[in-house]
């Protein structure tokens, strides 16, 4: 399995872990242990979970939690007026937080890859309009946190 596919699986698992922690309030160590031992590369309820890059998964989940106080206002500012992050569905919050974290802190991953990956995840859980909103918000965040990447293209 290619590194890119393992990273895609890690992103999906990270979004699911963040979603679970948001809804159930599961502590970080318990969530990481559960996902790493029971989900990544396993079959659960007849669903095959692809092998994921465990270190990348762990970096995303722990990074989002560590940076959440900085991420949430950044996302709030980018969302349309009147839609604070706390009013957005939990799965959208997880996707936006993970995407914003990766854009800001994982400069080794190209902007286009990050946005495409999280929009693909959004399509799995949300309707087209919401996936479009994820695209727009992450693009706007990328233009803020990685402005230099856009200047190089121009």
Protein backbone atom coordinates (compact mmCIF):
# COMPACT_ATOMS: atom_id res chain seq x y z
CA UNK A 1 0.00 0.00 0.00
CA UNK A 2 1.40 3.39 -1.00
CA UNK A 3 2.35 6.01 1.58
CA UNK A 4 -0.38 8.32 0.24
CA UNK A 5 -3.08 5.70 0.82
CA UNK A 6 -1.83 5.07 4.36
CA UNK A 7 -1.97 8.81 5.02
CA UNK A 8 -5.51 8.98 3.59
CA UNK A 9 -6.54 6.20 5.96
CA UNK A 10 -4.79 8.03 8.84
CA UNK A 11 -6.72 11.23 8.06
CA UNK A 12 -10.04 9.39 7.99
CA UNK A 13 -9.22 7.64 11.28
CA UNK A 14 -8.15 10.97 12.83
CA UNK A 15 -11.45 12.60 11.84
CA UNK A 16 -13.37 9.64 13.29
CA UNK A 17 -11.32 9.74 16.51
CA UNK A 18 -11.83 13.50 16.90
CA UNK A 19 -15.55 13.06 16.24
CA UNK A 20 -15.79 10.33 18.87
CA UNK A 21 -13.87 12.42 21.40
CA UNK A 22 -16.10 15.43 20.69
CA UNK A 23 -19.33 13.45 21.19
CA UNK A 24 -18.37 10.97 23.91
CA UNK A 25 -15.66 12.96 25.67
CA UNK A 26 -13.31 9.97 25.46
CA UNK A 27 -9.83 10.87 26.80
CA UNK A 28 -6.98 11.12 24.29
CA UNK A 29 -4.92 8.10 25.50
CA UNK A 30 -8.01 5.84 25.43
CA UNK A 31 -8.99 7.03 21.95
CA UNK A 32 -5.50 6.54 20.51
CA UNK A 33 -5.21 3.08 22.05
CA UNK A 34 -8.67 2.06 20.80
CA UNK A 35 -8.07 3.22 17.24
CA UNK A 36 -4.56 1.85 17.00
CA UNK A 37 -5.50 -1.59 18.34
CA UNK A 38 -9.05 -2.04 17.04
CA UNK A 39 -9.51 0.08 13.91
CA UNK A 40 -6.37 0.79 11.91
CA UNK A 41 -5.91 -2.04 9.41
CA UNK A 42 -8.69 -4.14 10.98
CA UNK A 43 -12.15 -5.29 10.00
CA UNK A 44 -14.90 -3.84 12.21
CA UNK A 45 -18.58 -4.70 11.74
CA UNK A 46 -17.82 -6.07 8.28
CA UNK A 47 -16.04 -2.86 7.23
CA UNK A 48 -12.40 -3.16 6.21
CA UNK A 49 -10.31 -0.33 7.66
CA UNK A 50 -7.23 0.26 5.56
CA UNK A 51 -3.81 0.21 7.16
CA UNK A 52 -2.97 3.73 8.24
CA UNK A 53 0.27 5.47 8.98
CA UNK A 54 -0.04 5.28 12.78
CA UNK A 55 2.47 8.04 13.52
CA UNK A 56 0.66 10.41 11.15
CA UNK A 57 -2.72 9.50 12.72
CA UNK A 58 -1.32 10.16 16.21
CA UNK A 59 0.25 13.47 15.07
CA UNK A 60 -3.06 14.70 13.66
CA UNK A 61 -5.19 13.76 16.67
CA UNK A 62 -2.77 14.98 19.35
CA UNK A 63 -1.92 18.07 17.30
CA UNK A 64 -5.56 19.10 16.89
CA UNK A 65 -6.14 18.77 20.64
CA UNK A 66 -2.97 20.67 21.50
CA UNK A 67 -3.72 23.47 19.01
CA UNK A 68 -7.51 23.59 19.39
CA UNK A 69 -7.54 26.96 21.18
CA UNK A 70 -5.78 28.48 18.17
CA UNK A 71 -7.61 26.41 15.52
CA UNK A 72 -11.19 27.10 16.61
CA UNK A 73 -10.99 30.93 16.36
CA UNK A 74 -9.25 30.60 12.98
CA UNK A 75 -12.05 28.34 11.71
CA UNK A 76 -14.74 30.54 13.32
CA UNK A 77 -13.35 33.60 11.56
CA UNK A 78 -13.42 31.75 8.23
CA UNK A 79 -16.93 30.28 8.54
CA UNK A 80 -19.78 32.37 7.23
CA UNK A 81 -21.04 34.99 9.68
CA UNK A 82 -23.55 33.64 12.14
CA UNK A 83 -22.20 30.07 12.00
CA UNK A 84 -19.76 29.68 14.85
CA UNK A 85 -17.91 26.38 14.92
CA UNK A 86 -19.91 25.18 17.92
CA UNK A 87 -23.12 25.28 15.78
CA UNK A 88 -21.58 23.11 13.05
CA UNK A 89 -22.18 19.34 13.05
CA UNK A 90 -19.59 17.38 15.07
CA UNK A 91 -18.27 15.54 11.98
CA UNK A 92 -17.73 18.87 10.19
CA UNK A 93 -15.91 20.25 13.23
CA UNK A 94 -13.61 17.22 13.22
CA UNK A 95 -12.88 17.58 9.49
CA UNK A 96 -12.26 21.34 9.73
CA UNK A 97 -10.05 21.05 12.80
CA UNK A 98 -7.93 18.26 11.36
CA UNK A 99 -7.64 20.01 7.99
CA UNK A 100 -6.77 23.37 9.56
CA UNK A 101 -4.17 21.73 11.80
CA UNK A 102 -2.54 19.93 8.88
CA UNK A 103 -2.48 23.09 6.77
CA UNK A 104 -0.86 25.06 9.57
CA UNK A 105 1.55 22.54 11.05
CA UNK A 106 2.36 19.97 8.35
CA UNK A 107 4.07 22.13 5.77
CA UNK A 108 5.57 18.93 4.28
CA UNK A 109 2.14 18.13 2.81
CA UNK A 110 1.06 20.24 -0.21
CA UNK A 111 -2.00 22.49 0.29
CA UNK A 112 -3.84 20.87 -2.63
CA UNK A 113 -3.37 17.38 -1.14
CA UNK A 114 -4.66 18.46 2.29
CA UNK A 115 -7.78 20.15 0.90
CA UNK A 116 -8.58 17.33 -1.55
CA UNK A 117 -8.19 14.67 1.16
CA UNK A 118 -10.53 16.40 3.63
CA UNK A 119 -13.10 17.21 0.95
CA UNK A 120 -13.07 13.48 0.03
CA UNK A 121 -13.66 12.61 3.70
CA UNK A 122 -16.48 15.18 3.81
CA UNK A 123 -18.15 13.52 0.80
CA UNK A 124 -18.25 10.24 2.75
CA UNK A 125 -20.25 11.79 5.63
CA UNK A 126 -21.92 14.97 4.35
CA UNK A 127 -23.94 16.24 1.42
CA UNK A 128 -22.43 18.10 -1.53
CA UNK A 129 -23.13 21.59 -0.18
CA UNK A 130 -21.45 20.83 3.15
CA UNK A 131 -18.46 19.25 1.38
CA UNK A 132 -18.27 22.42 -0.74
CA UNK A 133 -18.24 24.49 2.44
CA UNK A 134 -15.35 22.37 3.82
CA UNK A 135 -13.49 23.08 0.57
CA UNK A 136 -14.11 26.83 0.80
CA UNK A 137 -13.17 27.09 4.49
CA UNK A 138 -9.97 25.05 4.14
CA UNK A 139 -8.99 27.00 1.02
CA UNK A 140 -9.46 30.30 2.89
CA UNK A 141 -7.46 28.99 5.87
CA UNK A 142 -4.70 27.81 3.51
CA UNK A 143 -4.50 31.30 2.00
CA UNK A 144 -3.94 32.65 5.53
CA UNK A 145 -1.56 30.07 7.03
CA UNK A 146 0.28 29.25 3.81
CA UNK A 147 0.10 32.50 1.87
CA UNK A 148 3.62 31.89 0.54
CA UNK A 149 2.48 28.72 -1.27
CA UNK A 150 -0.05 30.76 -3.26
CA UNK A 151 2.43 33.52 -4.12
CA UNK A 152 4.80 30.94 -5.65
CA UNK A 153 2.03 29.78 -8.00
CA UNK A 154 1.11 33.28 -9.12
